[in-house]
Amino acid sequence: MNDNGPKPYVVNIEEATLQNETFRTALWTGVNLQLTVMSIQPGDDVGLEAHDDHDQFLRIEQGQALVKMGDTKDDLDFEHRAEDDDAIFVPAGKWHNIINAGSEPLKLYSIYAPAEHEHGTVHQTKSDDPEAS
């Protein structure tokens, strides 16, 4: 999979998400928007983070997740279970983490506005992401 931005692009997002085997791969990076696909192994997570200057949309295509959010990294007072076909909206400034709560890889895609990662980003594993905690 390659980053196809910022040129015009059409993708079967469900198929691309389900086929992805990397922790994170950028599929399209534009000036104001970015699409990444992710595969989170059972028991692992996306990593606790906050994006001060942008909102984030995530959609689960396969698996079960525990979604946590809060105003500080030490007070994640929002918890919700999510699964296939659920969408997750993360407001700018909210600390958040998505934890794979199932027994199979959690497959999801994420849309950042504006872009969060460098054009062409591929993190084979979580340890490849310098920002993941």
C-alpha atoms as a PDB file:
ATOM      1  CA  MET A   1       0.000   0.000   0.000  1.00  0.00           C
ATOM      2  CA  ASN A   2       1.242   3.445  -0.923  1.00  0.00           C
ATOM      3  CA  ASP A   3       0.310   6.982   0.100  1.00  0.00           C
ATOM      4  CA  ASN A   4      -1.654   8.255  -2.899  1.00  0.00           C
ATOM      5  CA  GLY A   5      -2.103  11.845  -1.773  1.00  0.00           C
ATOM      6  CA  PRO A   6      -2.453  14.542  -2.616  1.00  0.00           C
ATOM      7  CA  LYS A   7      -3.594  13.415  -6.062  1.00  0.00           C
ATOM      8  CA  PRO A   8      -7.215  12.298  -6.666  1.00  0.00           C
ATOM      9  CA  TYR A   9      -7.874   8.832  -5.258  1.00  0.00           C
ATOM     10  CA  VAL A  10     -10.723   6.316  -4.974  1.00  0.00           C
ATOM     11  CA  VAL A  11     -10.427   3.285  -2.696  1.00  0.00           C
ATOM     12  CA  ASN A  12     -12.613   0.511  -1.352  1.00  0.00           C
ATOM     13  CA  ILE A  13     -11.881   1.541   2.232  1.00  0.00           C
ATOM     14  CA  GLU A  14     -13.303  -1.611   3.809  1.00  0.00           C
ATOM     15  CA  GLU A  15     -11.160  -3.859   1.605  1.00  0.00           C
ATOM     16  CA  ALA A  16      -8.013  -1.785   2.153  1.00  0.00           C
ATOM     17  CA  THR A  17      -8.556  -1.775   5.924  1.00  0.00           C
ATOM     18  CA  LEU A  18      -9.159  -5.511   6.146  1.00  0.00           C
ATOM     19  CA  GLN A  19      -6.117  -6.295   3.963  1.00  0.00           C
ATOM     20  CA  ASN A  20      -3.774  -4.079   5.984  1.00  0.00           C
ATOM     21  CA  GLU A  21      -1.314  -5.947   8.226  1.00  0.00           C
ATOM     22  CA  THR A  22       0.679  -2.959   9.538  1.00  0.00           C
ATOM     23  CA  PHE A  23       0.172  -1.022  12.747  1.00  0.00           C
ATOM     24  CA  ARG A  24      -0.358   2.124  10.653  1.00  0.00           C
ATOM     25  CA  THR A  25      -0.089   2.963   6.965  1.00  0.00           C
ATOM     26  CA  ALA A  26      -1.017   6.303   5.410  1.00  0.00           C
ATOM     27  CA  LEU A  27      -3.117   5.707   2.284  1.00  0.00           C
ATOM     28  CA  TRP A  28      -3.777   9.338   1.411  1.00  0.00           C
ATOM     29  CA  THR A  29      -2.206  12.518   2.729  1.00  0.00           C
ATOM     30  CA  GLY A  30      -3.442  15.892   1.556  1.00  0.00           C
ATOM     31  CA  VAL A  31      -3.034  19.447   2.756  1.00  0.00           C
ATOM     32  CA  ASN A  32      -6.031  19.317   5.135  1.00  0.00           C
ATOM     33  CA  LEU A  33      -6.886  15.629   5.512  1.00  0.00           C
ATOM     34  CA  GLN A  34      -5.217  12.246   5.963  1.00  0.00           C
ATOM     35  CA  LEU A  35      -6.440   8.636   5.773  1.00  0.00           C
ATOM     36  CA  THR A  36      -4.576   5.872   7.604  1.00  0.00           C
ATOM     37  CA  VAL A  37      -5.391   2.171   8.040  1.00  0.00           C
ATOM     38  CA  MET A  38      -4.414   0.301  11.205  1.00  0.00           C
ATOM     39  CA  SER A  39      -4.173  -3.265  12.476  1.00  0.00           C
ATOM     40  CA  ILE A  40      -3.964  -3.588  16.270  1.00  0.00           C
ATOM     41  CA  GLN A  41      -3.079  -6.988  17.707  1.00  0.00           C
ATOM     42  CA  PRO A  42      -5.146  -8.582  20.509  1.00  0.00           C
ATOM     43  CA  GLY A  43      -4.355  -6.969  23.860  1.00  0.00           C
ATOM     44  CA  ASP A  44      -2.488  -4.065  22.224  1.00  0.00           C
ATOM     45  CA  ASP A  45      -3.674  -0.502  21.703  1.00  0.00           C
ATOM     46  CA  VAL A  46      -3.281   2.545  19.486  1.00  0.00           C
ATOM     47  CA  GLY A  47      -1.419   4.407  22.224  1.00  0.00           C
ATOM     48  CA  LEU A  48      -2.578   7.168  24.543  1.00  0.00           C
ATOM     49  CA  GLU A  49      -2.437  10.495  22.708  1.00  0.00           C
ATOM     50  CA  ALA A  50      -4.105  13.859  22.200  1.00  0.00           C
ATOM     51  CA  HIS A  51      -4.227  16.059  19.088  1.00  0.00           C
ATOM     52  CA  ASP A  52      -4.499  19.687  20.155  1.00  0.00           C
ATOM     53  CA  ASP A  53      -5.229  21.169  16.756  1.00  0.00           C
ATOM     54  CA  HIS A  54      -7.520  18.688  15.022  1.00  0.00           C
ATOM     55  CA  ASP A  55     -10.392  16.274  15.269  1.00  0.00           C
ATOM     56  CA  GLN A  56     -10.175  12.577  14.402  1.00  0.00           C
ATOM     57  CA  PHE A  57     -12.641  10.060  12.954  1.00  0.00           C
ATOM     58  CA  LEU A  58     -12.090   6.303  13.269  1.00  0.00           C
ATOM     59  CA  ARG A  59     -14.186   3.410  11.970  1.00  0.00           C
ATOM     60  CA  ILE A  60     -13.830  -0.212  13.005  1.00  0.00           C
ATOM     61  CA  GLU A  61     -14.087  -2.717  10.158  1.00  0.00           C
ATOM     62  CA  GLN A  62     -13.189  -5.824  12.197  1.00  0.00           C
ATOM     63  CA  GLY A  63     -12.848  -6.637  15.866  1.00  0.00           C
ATOM     64  CA  GLN A  64     -13.807  -5.362  19.280  1.00  0.00           C
ATOM     65  CA  ALA A  65     -12.403  -2.336  21.057  1.00  0.00           C
ATOM     66  CA  LEU A  66     -12.507  -0.455  24.301  1.00  0.00           C
ATOM     67  CA  VAL A  67     -12.510   3.294  23.622  1.00  0.00           C
ATOM     68  CA  LYS A  68     -11.235   5.600  26.358  1.00  0.00           C
ATOM     69  CA  MET A  69     -11.201   9.414  26.318  1.00  0.00           C
ATOM     70  CA  GLY A  70     -10.787  12.248  28.779  1.00  0.00           C
ATOM     71  CA  ASP A  71      -9.576  15.779  29.364  1.00  0.00           C
ATOM     72  CA  THR A  72      -6.230  14.617  30.785  1.00  0.00           C
ATOM     73  CA  LYS A  73      -4.171  11.491  30.285  1.00  0.00           C
ATOM     74  CA  ASP A  74      -4.763  10.584  33.921  1.00  0.00           C
ATOM     75  CA  ASP A  75      -8.547  11.053  33.787  1.00  0.00           C
ATOM     76  CA  LEU A  76     -10.049   9.012  30.943  1.00  0.00           C
ATOM     77  CA  ASP A  77     -13.614   9.259  32.229  1.00  0.00           C
ATOM     78  CA  PHE A  78     -15.265   8.237  28.931  1.00  0.00           C
ATOM     79  CA  GLU A  79     -15.305   4.485  28.221  1.00  0.00           C
ATOM     80  CA  HIS A  80     -17.297   2.749  25.519  1.00  0.00           C
ATOM     81  CA  ARG A  81     -17.186  -0.644  23.813  1.00  0.00           C
ATOM     82  CA  ALA A  82     -17.051  -0.533  20.015  1.00  0.00           C
ATOM     83  CA  GLU A  83     -17.059  -3.171  17.267  1.00  0.00           C
ATOM     84  CA  ASP A  84     -17.448  -3.756  13.518  1.00  0.00           C
ATOM     85  CA  ASP A  85     -19.086  -0.816  11.728  1.00  0.00           C
ATOM     86  CA  ASP A  86     -18.875   1.543  14.729  1.00  0.00           C
ATOM     87  CA  ALA A  87     -17.494   5.048  14.244  1.00  0.00           C
ATOM     88  CA  ILE A  88     -15.475   6.888  16.877  1.00  0.00           C
ATOM     89  CA  PHE A  89     -15.236  10.680  16.963  1.00  0.00           C
ATOM     90  CA  VAL A  90     -12.355  12.226  18.913  1.00  0.00           C
ATOM     91  CA  PRO A  91     -12.612  15.988  19.548  1.00  0.00           C
ATOM     92  CA  ALA A  92      -9.457  18.092  19.337  1.00  0.00           C
ATOM     93  CA  GLY A  93      -7.638  18.199  22.651  1.00  0.00           C
ATOM     94  CA  LYS A  94      -9.142  14.982  24.078  1.00  0.00           C
ATOM     95  CA  TRP A  95      -6.766  12.337  25.378  1.00  0.00           C
ATOM     96  CA  HIS A  96      -7.771   9.006  23.867  1.00  0.00           C
ATOM     97  CA  ASN A  97      -6.805   5.395  23.397  1.00  0.00           C
ATOM     98  CA  ILE A  98      -8.343   2.524  21.437  1.00  0.00           C
ATOM     99  CA  ILE A  99      -7.617  -0.891  22.957  1.00  0.00           C
ATOM    100  CA  ASN A 100      -8.123  -4.184  21.136  1.00  0.00           C
ATOM    101  CA  ALA A 101     -10.497  -6.021  23.491  1.00  0.00           C
ATOM    102  CA  GLY A 102     -10.996  -9.038  21.230  1.00  0.00           C
ATOM    103  CA  SER A 103      -9.151 -12.167  20.158  1.00  0.00           C
ATOM    104  CA  GLU A 104      -8.472 -11.147  16.532  1.00  0.00           C
ATOM    105  CA  PRO A 105      -6.660  -8.164  15.020  1.00  0.00           C
ATOM    106  CA  LEU A 106      -8.610  -4.915  15.339  1.00  0.00           C
ATOM    107  CA  LYS A 107      -8.854  -3.417  11.846  1.00  0.00           C
ATOM    108  CA  LEU A 108      -9.757   0.242  11.622  1.00  0.00           C
ATOM    109  CA  TYR A 109      -9.191   3.326   9.581  1.00  0.00           C
ATOM    110  CA  SER A 110      -8.626   6.842  10.784  1.00  0.00           C
ATOM    111  CA  ILE A 111      -9.212  10.219   9.183  1.00  0.00           C
ATOM    112  CA  TYR A 112      -7.286  13.181  10.577  1.00  0.00           C
ATOM    113  CA  ALA A 113      -8.108  16.778   9.696  1.00  0.00           C
ATOM    114  CA  PRO A 114      -5.487  18.158   9.208  1.00  0.00           C
ATOM    115  CA  ALA A 115      -2.937  15.404   8.573  1.00  0.00           C
ATOM    116  CA  GLU A 116      -1.184  13.944  11.642  1.00  0.00           C
ATOM    117  CA  HIS A 117       1.623  11.888  10.077  1.00  0.00           C
ATOM    118  CA  GLU A 118       4.220  12.515   7.377  1.00  0.00           C
ATOM    119  CA  HIS A 119       3.284  11.661   3.786  1.00  0.00           C
ATOM    120  CA  GLY A 120       4.083   7.997   3.130  1.00  0.00           C
ATOM    121  CA  THR A 121       4.118   6.963   6.801  1.00  0.00           C
ATOM    122  CA  VAL A 122       4.283   3.202   7.398  1.00  0.00           C
ATOM    123  CA  HIS A 123       4.652   1.844  10.937  1.00  0.00           C
ATOM    124  CA  GLN A 124       4.994  -1.927  10.669  1.00  0.00           C
ATOM    125  CA  THR A 125       4.531  -2.234  14.435  1.00  0.00           C
ATOM    126  CA  LYS A 126       3.579   0.058  17.304  1.00  0.00           C
ATOM    127  CA  SER A 127       7.250   0.314  18.312  1.00  0.00           C
ATOM    128  CA  ASP A 128       7.953   1.931  14.914  1.00  0.00           C
ATOM    129  CA  ASP A 129       5.762   4.901  15.919  1.00  0.00           C
ATOM    130  CA  PRO A 130       7.865   7.380  17.924  1.00  0.00           C
ATOM    131  CA  GLU A 131       4.690   8.988  19.351  1.00  0.00           C
ATOM    132  CA  ALA A 132       2.917   5.810  20.530  1.00  0.00           C
ATOM    133  CA  SER A 133       2.950   5.300  24.268  1.00  0.00           C
END
